[in-house]
PDB file of N, CA and C in Angstrom:
ATOM      1  N   UNK A   1    -166.350 -40.597  60.935  1.00  0.00           N
ATOM      2  CA  UNK A   1    -166.824 -39.567  60.037  1.00  0.00           C
ATOM      3  C   UNK A   1    -166.572 -38.202  60.668  1.00  0.00           C
ATOM      4  N   UNK A   2    -166.007 -37.326  59.912  1.00  0.00           N
ATOM      5  CA  UNK A   2    -165.740 -35.972  60.398  1.00  0.00           C
ATOM      6  C   UNK A   2    -166.779 -35.015  59.844  1.00  0.00           C
ATOM      7  N   UNK A   3    -167.254 -34.146  60.723  1.00  0.00           N
ATOM      8  CA  UNK A   3    -168.193 -33.129  60.241  1.00  0.00           C
ATOM      9  C   UNK A   3    -167.396 -31.871  59.923  1.00  0.00           C
ATOM     10  N   UNK A   4    -167.699 -31.288  58.813  1.00  0.00           N
ATOM     11  CA  UNK A   4    -166.983 -30.110  58.361  1.00  0.00           C
ATOM     12  C   UNK A   4    -167.843 -28.877  58.590  1.00  0.00           C
ATOM     13  N   UNK A   5    -167.235 -27.832  59.185  1.00  0.00           N
ATOM     14  CA  UNK A   5    -167.942 -26.575  59.400  1.00  0.00           C
ATOM     15  C   UNK A   5    -168.034 -25.848  58.064  1.00  0.00           C
ATOM     16  N   UNK A   6    -169.240 -25.705  57.564  1.00  0.00           N
ATOM     17  CA  UNK A   6    -169.437 -25.011  56.296  1.00  0.00           C
ATOM     18  C   UNK A   6    -169.684 -23.530  56.509  1.00  0.00           C
ATOM     19  N   UNK A   7    -169.721 -23.099  57.762  1.00  0.00           N
ATOM     20  CA  UNK A   7    -169.848 -21.691  58.070  1.00  0.00           C
ATOM     21  C   UNK A   7    -171.284 -21.223  58.192  1.00  0.00           C
ATOM     22  N   UNK A   8    -171.402 -19.940  58.459  1.00  0.00           N
ATOM     23  CA  UNK A   8    -172.695 -19.278  58.602  1.00  0.00           C
ATOM     24  C   UNK A   8    -172.769 -18.164  57.577  1.00  0.00           C
ATOM     25  N   UNK A   9    -173.938 -17.988  57.009  1.00  0.00           N
ATOM     26  CA  UNK A   9    -174.116 -17.005  55.947  1.00  0.00           C
ATOM     27  C   UNK A   9    -174.783 -15.747  56.470  1.00  0.00           C
ATOM     28  N   UNK A  10    -174.180 -14.611  56.141  1.00  0.00           N
ATOM     29  CA  UNK A  10    -174.798 -13.308  56.364  1.00  0.00           C
ATOM     30  C   UNK A  10    -175.266 -12.854  54.991  1.00  0.00           C
ATOM     31  N   UNK A  11    -176.558 -12.562  54.855  1.00  0.00           N
ATOM     32  CA  UNK A  11    -177.098 -12.213  53.541  1.00  0.00           C
ATOM     33  C   UNK A  11    -177.993 -10.984  53.638  1.00  0.00           C
ATOM     34  N   UNK A  12    -177.943 -10.157  52.604  1.00  0.00           N
ATOM     35  CA  UNK A  12    -178.834  -9.005  52.449  1.00  0.00           C
ATOM     36  C   UNK A  12    -179.487  -9.124  51.077  1.00  0.00           C
ATOM     37  N   UNK A  13    -180.770  -8.773  51.015  1.00  0.00           N
ATOM     38  CA  UNK A  13    -181.486  -8.873  49.750  1.00  0.00           C
ATOM     39  C   UNK A  13    -182.200  -7.568  49.447  1.00  0.00           C
ATOM     40  N   UNK A  14    -182.115  -7.151  48.189  1.00  0.00           N
ATOM     41  CA  UNK A  14    -182.895  -6.031  47.696  1.00  0.00           C
ATOM     42  C   UNK A  14    -184.221  -6.633  47.253  1.00  0.00           C
ATOM     43  N   UNK A  15    -185.260  -6.416  48.052  1.00  0.00           N
ATOM     44  CA  UNK A  15    -186.552  -7.026  47.783  1.00  0.00           C
ATOM     45  C   UNK A  15    -187.194  -6.551  46.496  1.00  0.00           C
ATOM     46  N   UNK A  16    -186.936  -5.323  46.131  1.00  0.00           N
ATOM     47  CA  UNK A  16    -187.537  -4.783  44.912  1.00  0.00           C
ATOM     48  C   UNK A  16    -186.908  -5.404  43.667  1.00  0.00           C
ATOM     49  N   UNK A  17    -185.594  -5.540  43.675  1.00  0.00           N
ATOM     50  CA  UNK A  17    -184.900  -6.088  42.505  1.00  0.00           C
ATOM     51  C   UNK A  17    -184.652  -7.587  42.619  1.00  0.00           C
ATOM     52  N   UNK A  18    -184.963  -8.159  43.766  1.00  0.00           N
ATOM     53  CA  UNK A  18    -184.767  -9.590  44.021  1.00  0.00           C
ATOM     54  C   UNK A  18    -183.317 -10.010  43.793  1.00  0.00           C
ATOM     55  N   UNK A  19    -182.400  -9.162  44.265  1.00  0.00           N
ATOM     56  CA  UNK A  19    -180.982  -9.499  44.186  1.00  0.00           C
ATOM     57  C   UNK A  19    -180.444  -9.655  45.596  1.00  0.00           C
ATOM     58  N   UNK A  20    -179.552 -10.620  45.765  1.00  0.00           N
ATOM     59  CA  UNK A  20    -179.027 -10.930  47.089  1.00  0.00           C
ATOM     60  C   UNK A  20    -177.505 -10.926  47.072  1.00  0.00           C
ATOM     61  N   UNK A  21    -176.920 -10.435  48.153  1.00  0.00           N
ATOM     62  CA  UNK A  21    -175.482 -10.534  48.374  1.00  0.00           C
ATOM     63  C   UNK A  21    -175.289 -11.299  49.668  1.00  0.00           C
ATOM     64  N   UNK A  22    -174.314 -12.175  49.698  1.00  0.00           N
ATOM     65  CA  UNK A  22    -174.078 -12.941  50.908  1.00  0.00           C
ATOM     66  C   UNK A  22    -172.600 -13.225  51.090  1.00  0.00           C
ATOM     67  N   UNK A  23    -172.245 -13.465  52.344  1.00  0.00           N
ATOM     68  CA  UNK A  23    -170.871 -13.797  52.689  1.00  0.00           C
ATOM     69  C   UNK A  23    -170.914 -14.903  53.726  1.00  0.00           C
ATOM     70  N   UNK A  24    -170.042 -15.880  53.566  1.00  0.00           N
ATOM     71  CA  UNK A  24    -169.980 -17.000  54.501  1.00  0.00           C
ATOM     72  C   UNK A  24    -168.877 -16.734  55.517  1.00  0.00           C
ATOM     73  N   UNK A  25    -169.219 -16.886  56.780  1.00  0.00           N
ATOM     74  CA  UNK A  25    -168.272 -16.718  57.877  1.00  0.00           C
ATOM     75  C   UNK A  25    -168.026 -18.074  58.514  1.00  0.00           C
ATOM     76  N   UNK A  26    -166.778 -18.539  58.469  1.00  0.00           N
ATOM     77  CA  UNK A  26    -166.439 -19.796  59.128  1.00  0.00           C
ATOM     78  C   UNK A  26    -166.384 -19.608  60.638  1.00  0.00           C
ATOM     79  N   UNK A  27    -166.071 -18.387  61.070  1.00  0.00           N
ATOM     80  CA  UNK A  27    -166.037 -18.062  62.499  1.00  0.00           C
ATOM     81  C   UNK A  27    -166.945 -16.848  62.721  1.00  0.00           C
ATOM     82  N   UNK A  28    -168.250 -17.072  62.853  1.00  0.00           N
ATOM     83  CA  UNK A  28    -169.193 -15.955  62.948  1.00  0.00           C
ATOM     84  C   UNK A  28    -169.076 -15.143  64.236  1.00  0.00           C
ATOM     85  N   UNK A  29    -168.288 -15.613  65.200  1.00  0.00           N
ATOM     86  CA  UNK A  29    -168.120 -14.860  66.438  1.00  0.00           C
ATOM     87  C   UNK A  29    -167.546 -13.473  66.176  1.00  0.00           C
ATOM     88  N   UNK A  30    -166.865 -13.305  65.043  1.00  0.00           N
ATOM     89  CA  UNK A  30    -166.311 -11.997  64.705  1.00  0.00           C
ATOM     90  C   UNK A  30    -167.430 -10.957  64.591  1.00  0.00           C
ATOM     91  N   UNK A  31    -168.647 -11.402  64.265  1.00  0.00           N
ATOM     92  CA  UNK A  31    -169.772 -10.475  64.118  1.00  0.00           C
ATOM     93  C   UNK A  31    -170.311  -9.991  65.460  1.00  0.00           C
ATOM     94  N   UNK A  32    -169.827 -10.572  66.556  1.00  0.00           N
ATOM     95  CA  UNK A  32    -170.207 -10.079  67.885  1.00  0.00           C
ATOM     96  C   UNK A  32    -169.564  -8.728  68.171  1.00  0.00           C
ATOM     97  N   UNK A  33    -168.507  -8.404  67.448  1.00  0.00           N
ATOM     98  CA  UNK A  33    -167.829  -7.112  67.600  1.00  0.00           C
ATOM     99  C   UNK A  33    -168.582  -6.119  66.721  1.00  0.00           C
ATOM    100  N   UNK A  34    -169.214  -5.115  67.342  1.00  0.00           N
ATOM    101  CA  UNK A  34    -170.073  -4.206  66.564  1.00  0.00           C
ATOM    102  C   UNK A  34    -169.407  -3.614  65.328  1.00  0.00           C
ATOM    103  N   UNK A  35    -168.174  -3.157  65.434  1.00  0.00           N
ATOM    104  CA  UNK A  35    -167.506  -2.545  64.284  1.00  0.00           C
ATOM    105  C   UNK A  35    -167.323  -3.557  63.148  1.00  0.00           C
ATOM    106  N   UNK A  36    -167.009  -4.795  63.491  1.00  0.00           N
ATOM    107  CA  UNK A  36    -166.851  -5.836  62.472  1.00  0.00           C
ATOM    108  C   UNK A  36    -168.188  -6.141  61.796  1.00  0.00           C
ATOM    109  N   UNK A  37    -169.252  -6.176  62.589  1.00  0.00           N
ATOM    110  CA  UNK A  37    -170.584  -6.445  62.043  1.00  0.00           C
ATOM    111  C   UNK A  37    -171.017  -5.327  61.100  1.00  0.00           C
ATOM    112  N   UNK A  38    -170.769  -4.085  61.498  1.00  0.00           N
ATOM    113  CA  UNK A  38    -171.124  -2.939  60.658  1.00  0.00           C
ATOM    114  C   UNK A  38    -170.355  -2.995  59.344  1.00  0.00           C
ATOM    115  N   UNK A  39    -169.075  -3.299  59.416  1.00  0.00           N
ATOM    116  CA  UNK A  39    -168.270  -3.380  58.196  1.00  0.00           C
ATOM    117  C   UNK A  39    -168.758  -4.499  57.276  1.00  0.00           C
ATOM    118  N   UNK A  40    -169.145  -5.626  57.851  1.00  0.00           N
ATOM    119  CA  UNK A  40    -169.637  -6.746  57.044  1.00  0.00           C
ATOM    120  C   UNK A  40    -170.938  -6.374  56.338  1.00  0.00           C
ATOM    121  N   UNK A  41    -171.844  -5.725  57.061  1.00  0.00           N
ATOM    122  CA  UNK A  41    -173.123  -5.316  56.464  1.00  0.00           C
ATOM    123  C   UNK A  41    -172.894  -4.236  55.410  1.00  0.00           C
ATOM    124  N   UNK A  42    -172.049  -3.253  55.708  1.00  0.00           N
ATOM    125  CA  UNK A  42    -171.768  -2.195  54.734  1.00  0.00           C
ATOM    126  C   UNK A  42    -171.129  -2.755  53.468  1.00  0.00           C
ATOM    127  N   UNK A  43    -170.268  -3.753  53.622  1.00  0.00           N
ATOM    128  CA  UNK A  43    -169.644  -4.385  52.462  1.00  0.00           C
ATOM    129  C   UNK A  43    -170.705  -5.026  51.565  1.00  0.00           C
ATOM    130  N   UNK A  44    -171.654  -5.720  52.180  1.00  0.00           N
ATOM    131  CA  UNK A  44    -172.724  -6.344  51.395  1.00  0.00           C
ATOM    132  C   UNK A  44    -173.631  -5.285  50.767  1.00  0.00           C
ATOM    133  N   UNK A  45    -173.937  -4.233  51.525  1.00  0.00           N
ATOM    134  CA  UNK A  45    -174.786  -3.162  50.982  1.00  0.00           C
ATOM    135  C   UNK A  45    -174.137  -2.493  49.774  1.00  0.00           C
ATOM    136  N   UNK A  46    -172.832  -2.310  49.829  1.00  0.00           N
ATOM    137  CA  UNK A  46    -172.145  -1.636  48.722  1.00  0.00           C
ATOM    138  C   UNK A  46    -172.182  -2.464  47.441  1.00  0.00           C
ATOM    139  N   UNK A  47    -172.384  -3.764  47.572  1.00  0.00           N
ATOM    140  CA  UNK A  47    -172.428  -4.640  46.396  1.00  0.00           C
ATOM    141  C   UNK A  47    -173.831  -4.768  45.806  1.00  0.00           C
ATOM    142  N   UNK A  48    -174.847  -4.351  46.562  1.00  0.00           N
ATOM    143  CA  UNK A  48    -176.212  -4.388  46.036  1.00  0.00           C
ATOM    144  C   UNK A  48    -176.448  -3.168  45.160  1.00  0.00           C
ATOM    145  N   UNK A  49    -177.227  -3.298  44.102  1.00  0.00           N
ATOM    146  CA  UNK A  49    -177.511  -2.145  43.245  1.00  0.00           C
ATOM    147  C   UNK A  49    -178.351  -1.112  43.987  1.00  0.00           C
ATOM    148  N   UNK A  50    -178.102   0.144  43.690  1.00  0.00           N
ATOM    149  CA  UNK A  50    -178.844   1.248  44.295  1.00  0.00           C
ATOM    150  C   UNK A  50    -180.064   1.523  43.428  1.00  0.00           C
ATOM    151  N   UNK A  51    -181.242   1.223  43.948  1.00  0.00           N
ATOM    152  CA  UNK A  51    -182.460   1.426  43.158  1.00  0.00           C
ATOM    153  C   UNK A  51    -183.398   2.425  43.822  1.00  0.00           C
ATOM    154  N   UNK A  52    -182.835   3.294  44.666  1.00  0.00           N
ATOM    155  CA  UNK A  52    -183.692   4.260  45.364  1.00  0.00           C
ATOM    156  C   UNK A  52    -184.396   5.177  44.373  1.00  0.00           C
ATOM    157  N   UNK A  53    -185.632   5.438  44.672  1.00  0.00           N
ATOM    158  CA  UNK A  53    -186.390   6.383  43.869  1.00  0.00           C
ATOM    159  C   UNK A  53    -186.346   7.737  44.564  1.00  0.00           C
ATOM    160  N   UNK A  54    -186.719   8.762  43.852  1.00  0.00           N
ATOM    161  CA  UNK A  54    -186.755  10.117  44.403  1.00  0.00           C
ATOM    162  C   UNK A  54    -187.561  10.136  45.691  1.00  0.00           C
ATOM    163  N   UNK A  55    -186.968  10.673  46.745  1.00  0.00           N
ATOM    164  CA  UNK A  55    -187.685  10.810  48.007  1.00  0.00           C
ATOM    165  C   UNK A  55    -187.509   9.654  48.970  1.00  0.00           C
ATOM    166  N   UNK A  56    -186.920   8.551  48.538  1.00  0.00           N
ATOM    167  CA  UNK A  56    -186.686   7.436  49.449  1.00  0.00           C
ATOM    168  C   UNK A  56    -185.465   7.729  50.301  1.00  0.00           C
ATOM    169  N   UNK A  57    -185.433   7.110  51.455  1.00  0.00           N
ATOM    170  CA  UNK A  57    -184.323   7.301  52.370  1.00  0.00           C
ATOM    171  C   UNK A  57    -183.400   6.098  52.327  1.00  0.00           C
ATOM    172  N   UNK A  58    -182.112   6.353  52.549  1.00  0.00           N
ATOM    173  CA  UNK A  58    -181.148   5.261  52.643  1.00  0.00           C
ATOM    174  C   UNK A  58    -181.087   4.779  54.088  1.00  0.00           C
ATOM    175  N   UNK A  59    -180.264   3.788  54.353  1.00  0.00           N
ATOM    176  CA  UNK A  59    -180.154   3.189  55.677  1.00  0.00           C
ATOM    177  C   UNK A  59    -179.745   4.215  56.726  1.00  0.00           C
ATOM    178  N   UNK A  60    -178.844   5.133  56.376  1.00  0.00           N
ATOM    179  CA  UNK A  60    -178.358   6.088  57.365  1.00  0.00           C
ATOM    180  C   UNK A  60    -179.248   7.330  57.466  1.00  0.00           C
ATOM    181  N   UNK A  61    -180.337   7.368  56.760  1.00  0.00           N
ATOM    182  CA  UNK A  61    -181.292   8.459  56.891  1.00  0.00           C
ATOM    183  C   UNK A  61    -181.082   9.615  55.932  1.00  0.00           C
ATOM    184  N   UNK A  62    -180.030   9.575  55.109  1.00  0.00           N
ATOM    185  CA  UNK A  62    -179.805  10.639  54.131  1.00  0.00           C
ATOM    186  C   UNK A  62    -180.518  10.306  52.834  1.00  0.00           C
ATOM    187  N   UNK A  63    -180.934  11.340  52.135  1.00  0.00           N
ATOM    188  CA  UNK A  63    -181.589  11.114  50.845  1.00  0.00           C
ATOM    189  C   UNK A  63    -180.577  11.052  49.742  1.00  0.00           C
TER     190      UNK A  63
END
């Protein structure tokens, strides 16, 4: 019997809207490289809906 690598999931969820974006990495070691990890997270963030209310801060600290 062969075991198949189904990968590892990186997921982000908007708790207010209960929406989730995720990506499966068959080789998650790529996320050990900071720039690759940042790009993966930013890619998922860009796919989540923006539901910020007036006065809330984004991840990078800008309003």
